[in-house]
């Protein structure tokens, strides 16, 4: 980014030469916070919803792995599943913000 300053002068002062200053503007960091947590335990074939916000105000996306699937923020435990459900929250960033560190929570099938 470049900032340029000009001073046109007046009856007492001559015109000042223009001055430019160039500097780098870095993307800001951001974090994700769950505002509605995944349950510690959930019955097989049941669903639950999570919610999270990014400190940047940008939208958070969700993913799943293990003993569950998701559509958006709604997670469904698989029938007769073994293992745990991992809920993942992401925010990829934009021109102003770096990607947020991924945040995960886990749910064990009941």
N, C-alpha and C. Protein backbone atom coordinates (compact mmCIF):
# COMPACT_ATOMS: atom_id res chain seq x y z
N UNK A 1 0.86 -1.15 0.00
CA UNK A 1 0.00 0.00 0.00
C UNK A 1 0.90 1.22 0.00
N UNK A 2 0.50 2.25 -0.72
CA UNK A 2 1.26 3.49 -0.78
C UNK A 2 0.38 4.65 -0.33
N UNK A 3 0.94 5.49 0.53
CA UNK A 3 0.28 6.71 0.98
C UNK A 3 1.09 7.87 0.44
N UNK A 4 0.40 8.84 -0.15
CA UNK A 4 1.09 9.99 -0.70
C UNK A 4 0.55 11.25 -0.02
N UNK A 5 1.49 12.13 0.38
CA UNK A 5 1.12 13.39 1.03
C UNK A 5 1.52 14.56 0.13
N UNK A 6 0.63 15.53 0.03
CA UNK A 6 0.88 16.74 -0.76
C UNK A 6 0.54 17.96 0.08
N UNK A 7 1.30 19.05 -0.15
CA UNK A 7 1.02 20.31 0.53
C UNK A 7 1.10 21.39 -0.54
N UNK A 8 -0.05 22.02 -0.87
CA UNK A 8 -0.09 22.93 -2.02
C UNK A 8 0.56 24.30 -1.78
N UNK A 9 0.90 24.62 -0.57
CA UNK A 9 1.45 25.94 -0.30
C UNK A 9 0.36 26.99 -0.18
N UNK A 10 0.79 28.20 0.17
CA UNK A 10 -0.15 29.32 0.28
C UNK A 10 0.62 30.61 0.04
N UNK A 11 0.10 31.74 0.46
CA UNK A 11 0.75 33.03 0.22
C UNK A 11 2.09 33.13 0.96
N UNK A 12 2.24 32.40 2.04
CA UNK A 12 3.47 32.47 2.84
C UNK A 12 4.44 31.32 2.58
N UNK A 13 3.93 30.19 2.08
CA UNK A 13 4.77 29.00 1.93
C UNK A 13 4.72 28.49 0.50
N UNK A 14 5.86 28.03 0.01
CA UNK A 14 5.94 27.41 -1.32
C UNK A 14 5.32 26.02 -1.28
N UNK A 15 5.04 25.51 -2.46
CA UNK A 15 4.52 24.15 -2.59
C UNK A 15 5.58 23.17 -2.09
N UNK A 16 5.17 22.24 -1.26
CA UNK A 16 6.09 21.20 -0.77
C UNK A 16 6.14 20.06 -1.77
N UNK A 17 7.29 19.44 -1.93
CA UNK A 17 7.34 18.29 -2.84
C UNK A 17 6.49 17.14 -2.29
N UNK A 18 5.83 16.37 -3.17
CA UNK A 18 5.03 15.24 -2.68
C UNK A 18 5.93 14.18 -2.03
N UNK A 19 5.41 13.56 -1.03
CA UNK A 19 6.12 12.50 -0.30
C UNK A 19 5.27 11.24 -0.38
N UNK A 20 5.91 10.11 -0.70
CA UNK A 20 5.22 8.81 -0.74
C UNK A 20 5.85 7.87 0.27
N UNK A 21 5.03 7.08 0.88
CA UNK A 21 5.50 6.04 1.80
C UNK A 21 4.80 4.74 1.44
N UNK A 22 5.56 3.71 1.20
CA UNK A 22 5.00 2.40 0.87
C UNK A 22 5.21 1.46 2.04
N UNK A 23 4.19 0.69 2.35
CA UNK A 23 4.30 -0.29 3.42
C UNK A 23 3.44 -1.50 3.10
N UNK A 24 3.70 -2.59 3.79
CA UNK A 24 2.98 -3.85 3.58
C UNK A 24 1.89 -3.99 4.64
N UNK A 25 0.72 -4.37 4.20
CA UNK A 25 -0.39 -4.64 5.11
C UNK A 25 -0.60 -6.15 5.11
N UNK A 26 -0.41 -6.78 6.25
CA UNK A 26 -0.57 -8.23 6.37
C UNK A 26 -1.99 -8.61 6.72
N UNK A 27 -2.37 -9.82 6.36
CA UNK A 27 -3.68 -10.34 6.75
C UNK A 27 -3.70 -10.54 8.27
N UNK A 28 -4.85 -10.30 8.85
CA UNK A 28 -5.03 -10.49 10.29
C UNK A 28 -5.29 -11.96 10.58
N UNK A 29 -4.92 -12.40 11.77
CA UNK A 29 -5.23 -13.76 12.18
C UNK A 29 -6.66 -13.81 12.72
N UNK A 30 -7.19 -15.01 12.84
CA UNK A 30 -8.54 -15.20 13.38
C UNK A 30 -8.59 -16.53 14.11
N UNK A 31 -9.57 -16.67 14.98
CA UNK A 31 -9.79 -17.92 15.71
C UNK A 31 -11.24 -18.34 15.57
N UNK A 32 -11.50 -19.61 15.85
CA UNK A 32 -12.85 -20.17 15.83
C UNK A 32 -13.22 -20.57 17.25
N UNK A 33 -14.44 -20.24 17.64
CA UNK A 33 -14.97 -20.64 18.95
C UNK A 33 -16.30 -21.34 18.76
N UNK A 34 -16.44 -22.54 19.34
CA UNK A 34 -17.73 -23.21 19.32
C UNK A 34 -18.67 -22.49 20.28
N UNK A 35 -19.85 -22.14 19.79
CA UNK A 35 -20.88 -21.52 20.64
C UNK A 35 -21.95 -22.52 21.02
N UNK A 36 -22.02 -23.63 20.31
CA UNK A 36 -22.86 -24.77 20.66
C UNK A 36 -22.02 -26.01 20.41
N UNK A 37 -21.63 -26.69 21.49
CA UNK A 37 -20.72 -27.81 21.42
C UNK A 37 -21.38 -29.09 20.94
N UNK A 38 -20.56 -29.99 20.41
CA UNK A 38 -21.01 -31.35 20.11
C UNK A 38 -21.18 -32.07 21.45
N UNK A 39 -22.16 -32.96 21.55
CA UNK A 39 -22.32 -33.69 22.83
C UNK A 39 -21.17 -34.67 23.02
N UNK A 40 -20.87 -34.97 24.27
CA UNK A 40 -19.81 -35.93 24.56
C UNK A 40 -20.20 -37.33 24.07
N UNK A 41 -21.49 -37.66 24.20
CA UNK A 41 -22.02 -38.97 23.79
C UNK A 41 -23.33 -38.73 23.06
N UNK A 42 -23.55 -39.51 21.98
CA UNK A 42 -24.81 -39.42 21.23
C UNK A 42 -25.23 -40.81 20.79
N UNK A 43 -26.52 -41.13 20.87
CA UNK A 43 -27.00 -42.45 20.43
C UNK A 43 -26.76 -42.66 18.94
N UNK A 44 -26.55 -43.93 18.56
CA UNK A 44 -26.45 -44.27 17.14
C UNK A 44 -27.71 -43.82 16.42
N UNK A 45 -27.56 -43.35 15.20
CA UNK A 45 -28.67 -42.93 14.34
C UNK A 45 -29.38 -41.66 14.84
N UNK A 46 -28.75 -40.92 15.75
CA UNK A 46 -29.34 -39.67 16.21
C UNK A 46 -28.60 -38.50 15.55
N UNK A 47 -29.17 -37.32 15.68
CA UNK A 47 -28.55 -36.12 15.11
C UNK A 47 -28.35 -35.06 16.18
N UNK A 48 -27.38 -34.22 15.94
CA UNK A 48 -27.15 -33.06 16.80
C UNK A 48 -26.62 -31.92 15.94
N UNK A 49 -26.76 -30.71 16.48
CA UNK A 49 -26.33 -29.52 15.75
C UNK A 49 -25.26 -28.81 16.57
N UNK A 50 -24.26 -28.26 15.87
CA UNK A 50 -23.23 -27.46 16.51
C UNK A 50 -23.30 -26.04 15.93
N UNK A 51 -22.63 -25.12 16.58
CA UNK A 51 -22.52 -23.75 16.06
C UNK A 51 -21.15 -23.22 16.46
N UNK A 52 -20.59 -22.39 15.60
CA UNK A 52 -19.29 -21.79 15.87
C UNK A 52 -19.20 -20.44 15.18
N UNK A 53 -18.37 -19.59 15.73
CA UNK A 53 -18.14 -18.28 15.12
C UNK A 53 -16.64 -18.08 14.94
N UNK A 54 -16.30 -17.29 13.93
CA UNK A 54 -14.91 -16.89 13.73
C UNK A 54 -14.75 -15.47 14.27
N UNK A 55 -13.61 -15.19 14.87
CA UNK A 55 -13.38 -13.85 15.43
C UNK A 55 -13.42 -12.77 14.35
N UNK A 56 -13.22 -13.17 13.10
CA UNK A 56 -13.28 -12.22 11.98
C UNK A 56 -14.72 -11.87 11.59
N UNK A 57 -15.68 -12.70 12.02
CA UNK A 57 -17.07 -12.53 11.59
C UNK A 57 -17.37 -13.26 10.30
N UNK A 58 -16.37 -13.88 9.68
CA UNK A 58 -16.58 -14.66 8.46
C UNK A 58 -17.29 -15.97 8.79
N UNK A 59 -18.02 -16.56 7.84
CA UNK A 59 -18.76 -17.80 8.13
C UNK A 59 -17.83 -19.00 8.36
N UNK A 60 -18.25 -19.86 9.26
CA UNK A 60 -17.52 -21.08 9.60
C UNK A 60 -18.15 -22.25 8.85
N UNK A 61 -17.33 -23.15 8.33
CA UNK A 61 -17.84 -24.36 7.69
C UNK A 61 -17.48 -25.56 8.56
N UNK A 62 -18.26 -26.64 8.39
CA UNK A 62 -18.10 -27.82 9.23
C UNK A 62 -17.83 -29.06 8.39
N UNK A 63 -17.12 -30.00 8.98
CA UNK A 63 -16.85 -31.28 8.36
C UNK A 63 -16.92 -32.37 9.41
N UNK A 64 -16.94 -33.62 8.94
CA UNK A 64 -17.04 -34.75 9.87
C UNK A 64 -16.13 -35.87 9.41
N UNK A 65 -15.77 -36.71 10.36
CA UNK A 65 -15.06 -37.94 10.06
C UNK A 65 -15.35 -38.94 11.16
N UNK A 66 -15.11 -40.20 10.85
CA UNK A 66 -15.34 -41.24 11.84
C UNK A 66 -16.77 -41.72 11.85
N UNK A 67 -17.39 -41.76 13.01
CA UNK A 67 -18.68 -42.41 13.22
C UNK A 67 -19.87 -41.50 12.94
N UNK A 68 -19.70 -40.48 12.10
CA UNK A 68 -20.81 -39.58 11.81
C UNK A 68 -20.64 -38.98 10.41
N UNK A 69 -21.73 -38.37 9.96
CA UNK A 69 -21.72 -37.58 8.72
C UNK A 69 -22.35 -36.24 9.05
N UNK A 70 -22.19 -35.28 8.15
CA UNK A 70 -22.82 -33.98 8.40
C UNK A 70 -23.32 -33.36 7.12
N UNK A 71 -24.35 -32.54 7.29
CA UNK A 71 -24.83 -31.62 6.27
C UNK A 71 -24.84 -30.27 6.97
N UNK A 72 -23.87 -29.42 6.61
CA UNK A 72 -23.74 -28.15 7.31
C UNK A 72 -23.39 -28.39 8.77
N UNK A 73 -24.14 -27.76 9.66
CA UNK A 73 -23.87 -27.86 11.10
C UNK A 73 -24.63 -28.98 11.79
N UNK A 74 -25.38 -29.80 11.00
CA UNK A 74 -26.13 -30.92 11.56
C UNK A 74 -25.37 -32.22 11.33
N UNK A 75 -25.11 -32.94 12.40
CA UNK A 75 -24.33 -34.17 12.37
C UNK A 75 -25.23 -35.35 12.72
N UNK A 76 -25.05 -36.45 12.01
CA UNK A 76 -25.82 -37.67 12.25
C UNK A 76 -24.87 -38.80 12.59
N UNK A 77 -25.13 -39.42 13.73
CA UNK A 77 -24.33 -40.58 14.13
C UNK A 77 -24.74 -41.77 13.26
N UNK A 78 -23.77 -42.54 12.84
CA UNK A 78 -24.06 -43.71 12.01
C UNK A 78 -24.67 -44.82 12.85
N UNK A 79 -25.43 -45.68 12.20
CA UNK A 79 -26.04 -46.82 12.87
C UNK A 79 -24.98 -47.86 13.17
N UNK A 80 -24.98 -48.37 14.39
CA UNK A 80 -24.04 -49.43 14.81
C UNK A 80 -22.59 -49.07 14.51
N UNK A 81 -22.22 -47.85 14.75
CA UNK A 81 -20.85 -47.45 14.43
C UNK A 81 -19.92 -47.68 15.62
N UNK A 82 -18.71 -47.94 15.29
CA UNK A 82 -17.65 -48.07 16.27
C UNK A 82 -16.76 -46.83 16.15
N UNK A 83 -16.09 -46.47 17.18
CA UNK A 83 -15.18 -45.33 17.11
C UNK A 83 -15.87 -44.04 17.47
N UNK A 84 -15.19 -42.95 17.21
CA UNK A 84 -15.71 -41.64 17.59
C UNK A 84 -16.07 -40.81 16.37
N UNK A 85 -16.91 -39.84 16.59
CA UNK A 85 -17.28 -38.86 15.57
C UNK A 85 -16.42 -37.62 15.81
N UNK A 86 -15.75 -37.16 14.78
CA UNK A 86 -14.96 -35.94 14.88
C UNK A 86 -15.66 -34.82 14.12
N UNK A 87 -15.95 -33.75 14.83
CA UNK A 87 -16.59 -32.56 14.27
C UNK A 87 -15.47 -31.54 14.03
N UNK A 88 -15.39 -31.04 12.80
CA UNK A 88 -14.33 -30.10 12.44
C UNK A 88 -14.93 -28.77 12.02
N UNK A 89 -14.38 -27.68 12.55
CA UNK A 89 -14.81 -26.33 12.18
C UNK A 89 -13.65 -25.64 11.47
N UNK A 90 -13.94 -25.03 10.32
CA UNK A 90 -12.93 -24.36 9.50
C UNK A 90 -13.40 -22.98 9.08
N UNK A 91 -12.43 -22.09 8.85
CA UNK A 91 -12.70 -20.80 8.22
C UNK A 91 -11.47 -20.51 7.35
N UNK A 92 -11.67 -20.45 6.04
CA UNK A 92 -10.57 -20.39 5.08
C UNK A 92 -9.89 -19.03 4.97
N UNK A 93 -10.48 -17.99 5.51
CA UNK A 93 -9.90 -16.66 5.39
C UNK A 93 -10.31 -15.98 4.10
N UNK A 94 -9.80 -14.77 3.90
CA UNK A 94 -10.08 -14.00 2.68
C UNK A 94 -8.92 -13.03 2.47
N UNK A 95 -9.13 -11.99 1.70
CA UNK A 95 -8.06 -11.04 1.43
C UNK A 95 -7.59 -10.32 2.69
N UNK A 96 -8.45 -10.22 3.70
CA UNK A 96 -8.10 -9.51 4.93
C UNK A 96 -7.69 -10.40 6.08
N UNK A 97 -8.09 -11.69 6.05
CA UNK A 97 -7.83 -12.60 7.17
C UNK A 97 -7.15 -13.87 6.71
N UNK A 98 -6.19 -14.33 7.50
CA UNK A 98 -5.58 -15.64 7.28
C UNK A 98 -6.60 -16.73 7.62
N UNK A 99 -6.36 -17.93 7.14
CA UNK A 99 -7.21 -19.07 7.53
C UNK A 99 -7.10 -19.26 9.04
N UNK A 100 -8.22 -19.58 9.66
CA UNK A 100 -8.21 -19.85 11.09
C UNK A 100 -7.69 -21.25 11.35
N UNK A 101 -7.01 -21.46 12.47
CA UNK A 101 -6.64 -22.84 12.82
C UNK A 101 -7.90 -23.69 12.97
N UNK A 102 -7.86 -24.90 12.44
CA UNK A 102 -8.99 -25.82 12.54
C UNK A 102 -9.26 -26.17 13.99
N UNK A 103 -10.54 -26.23 14.35
CA UNK A 103 -10.94 -26.60 15.71
C UNK A 103 -11.78 -27.87 15.60
N UNK A 104 -11.53 -28.84 16.49
CA UNK A 104 -12.29 -30.09 16.45
C UNK A 104 -12.90 -30.39 17.82
N UNK A 105 -13.99 -31.15 17.77
CA UNK A 105 -14.62 -31.71 18.96
C UNK A 105 -14.97 -33.16 18.62
N UNK A 106 -15.12 -33.99 19.64
CA UNK A 106 -15.44 -35.40 19.40
C UNK A 106 -16.69 -35.82 20.17
N UNK A 107 -17.40 -36.78 19.58
CA UNK A 107 -18.58 -37.38 20.18
C UNK A 107 -18.44 -38.89 20.09
N UNK A 108 -18.72 -39.57 21.18
CA UNK A 108 -18.66 -41.02 21.21
C UNK A 108 -20.05 -41.60 21.02
N UNK A 109 -20.19 -42.64 20.15
CA UNK A 109 -21.51 -43.26 19.98
C UNK A 109 -21.96 -43.94 21.27
N UNK A 110 -23.26 -43.93 21.49
CA UNK A 110 -23.84 -44.55 22.69
C UNK A 110 -24.32 -45.93 22.34
